[in-house]
Amino acid sequence: STVYPGIVKGWHWHRDMTLNYSVIISMIKFVLFDDRENSATKGTLQEIYLGEDNYSSVTVPSKIWNGFMGIGMEESYIINFTDIPHDPEEIKRLDPHNNHIPYEWSVKDR
């Protein structure tokens, strides 16, 4: 996948698929939200900055909401190695800004 600076791709959730994200060009802000019933981390948000300043891989278990926003100076290239083939029947999507997830995608000055 690719994403341009300031553009949000999210939210989505997979019923069965485990995701494994890495960013090879530029940077993204990757956000996860757990709303699973009976989860020890229910209600938890996590932000991870991935890409040229933090080359790493993030594994996302099934049923965790996730999305990302391009924050670099150029288009970001994201690789996702999944554990099963893509199936549009096992994915849920939400509007990135109008949903039940308590998160604001805007970039904040430090």
Protein backbone atom coordinates (compact mmCIF):
# COMPACT_ATOMS: atom_id res chain seq x y z
CA SER A 1 0.00 0.00 0.00
CA THR A 2 1.02 3.62 -0.29
CA VAL A 3 -0.18 6.78 1.42
CA TYR A 4 0.55 10.45 0.79
CA PRO A 5 1.52 12.88 3.59
CA GLY A 6 -1.50 13.93 5.65
CA ILE A 7 -3.79 11.23 4.23
CA VAL A 8 -5.44 8.71 6.59
CA LYS A 9 -6.15 5.09 5.68
CA GLY A 10 -8.25 3.52 8.38
CA TRP A 11 -9.91 2.27 10.31
CA HIS A 12 -10.12 -1.43 9.53
CA TRP A 13 -10.32 -4.71 11.42
CA HIS A 14 -9.85 -8.33 10.33
CA ARG A 15 -11.86 -11.20 11.77
CA ASP A 16 -9.19 -13.87 11.06
CA MET A 17 -6.12 -12.27 9.48
CA THR A 18 -2.92 -11.34 11.31
CA LEU A 19 -1.16 -8.34 9.76
CA ASN A 20 2.59 -7.66 9.69
CA TYR A 21 3.39 -4.07 8.64
CA SER A 22 6.70 -2.50 7.68
CA VAL A 23 7.35 0.84 5.99
CA ILE A 24 10.20 0.92 3.49
CA ILE A 25 9.99 4.52 2.21
CA SER A 26 9.09 7.67 4.17
CA MET A 27 7.13 7.60 7.48
CA ILE A 28 3.66 6.79 8.81
CA LYS A 29 1.86 7.16 12.11
CA PHE A 30 0.32 3.72 12.71
CA VAL A 31 -2.48 3.51 15.29
CA LEU A 32 -4.10 0.50 16.93
CA PHE A 33 -7.25 0.33 19.06
CA ASP A 34 -8.49 -2.66 21.04
CA ASP A 35 -12.24 -2.87 21.63
CA ARG A 36 -12.39 -6.66 22.06
CA GLU A 37 -14.69 -7.85 24.84
CA ASN A 38 -12.86 -9.58 27.70
CA SER A 39 -9.47 -8.26 26.51
CA ALA A 40 -6.97 -7.14 29.14
CA THR A 41 -6.13 -4.18 26.89
CA LYS A 42 -9.73 -3.22 25.98
CA GLY A 43 -9.99 0.52 25.33
CA THR A 44 -6.25 0.92 24.75
CA LEU A 45 -4.86 3.05 21.90
CA GLN A 46 -1.29 2.71 20.65
CA GLU A 47 0.62 5.00 18.25
CA ILE A 48 3.72 3.71 16.50
CA TYR A 49 5.84 5.74 14.10
CA LEU A 50 7.20 3.49 11.34
CA GLY A 51 9.57 4.12 8.47
CA GLU A 52 12.92 5.68 7.74
CA ASP A 53 13.35 6.99 11.30
CA ASN A 54 12.17 3.70 12.86
CA TYR A 55 12.60 0.66 10.62
CA SER A 56 10.68 -2.10 12.35
CA SER A 57 7.81 -4.49 11.86
CA VAL A 58 4.49 -4.41 13.71
CA THR A 59 2.28 -7.48 14.09
CA VAL A 60 -1.44 -6.78 14.45
CA PRO A 61 -3.61 -9.62 15.77
CA SER A 62 -7.07 -10.20 14.37
CA LYS A 63 -9.93 -8.06 15.69
CA ILE A 64 -7.70 -5.04 16.49
CA TRP A 65 -8.76 -1.80 14.77
CA ASN A 66 -5.86 -0.19 12.92
CA GLY A 67 -5.08 2.58 10.51
CA PHE A 68 -2.28 4.85 9.44
CA MET A 69 -1.50 8.33 8.24
CA GLY A 70 1.36 9.46 6.00
CA ILE A 71 3.62 11.82 7.94
CA GLY A 72 6.76 11.90 5.84
CA MET A 73 7.74 14.43 3.20
CA GLU A 74 6.85 12.05 0.36
CA GLU A 75 4.54 9.14 -0.42
CA SER A 76 5.03 6.28 2.08
CA TYR A 77 5.34 2.65 0.95
CA ILE A 78 3.91 0.08 3.35
CA ILE A 79 4.40 -3.70 3.12
CA ASN A 80 1.87 -6.01 4.78
CA PHE A 81 2.75 -9.69 5.10
CA THR A 82 -0.42 -11.51 6.11
CA ASP A 83 -0.90 -15.03 7.40
CA ILE A 84 -3.87 -15.86 5.13
CA PRO A 85 -4.98 -14.69 1.66
CA HIS A 86 -7.03 -11.51 1.48
CA ASP A 87 -10.78 -12.11 1.84
CA PRO A 88 -13.11 -9.07 1.62
CA GLU A 89 -15.70 -10.98 3.67
CA GLU A 90 -13.54 -10.98 6.83
CA ILE A 91 -12.79 -7.26 7.02
CA LYS A 92 -14.73 -4.43 8.66
CA ARG A 93 -14.12 -0.74 7.90
CA LEU A 94 -14.94 2.51 9.69
CA ASP A 95 -14.82 6.14 8.62
CA PRO A 96 -11.45 7.47 9.84
CA HIS A 97 -13.02 10.46 11.62
CA ASN A 98 -16.62 9.55 12.47
CA ASN A 99 -16.66 6.38 14.58
CA HIS A 100 -16.51 5.02 18.15
CA ILE A 101 -12.68 5.08 18.38
CA PRO A 102 -11.45 7.88 20.68
CA TYR A 103 -8.69 9.14 18.41
CA GLU A 104 -8.00 12.36 16.50
CA TRP A 105 -5.81 11.93 13.40
CA SER A 106 -4.50 15.50 13.28
CA VAL A 107 -0.75 16.07 13.49
CA LYS A 108 0.20 17.83 16.72
CA ASP A 109 3.12 20.22 17.09
CA ARG A 110 5.69 19.23 19.66
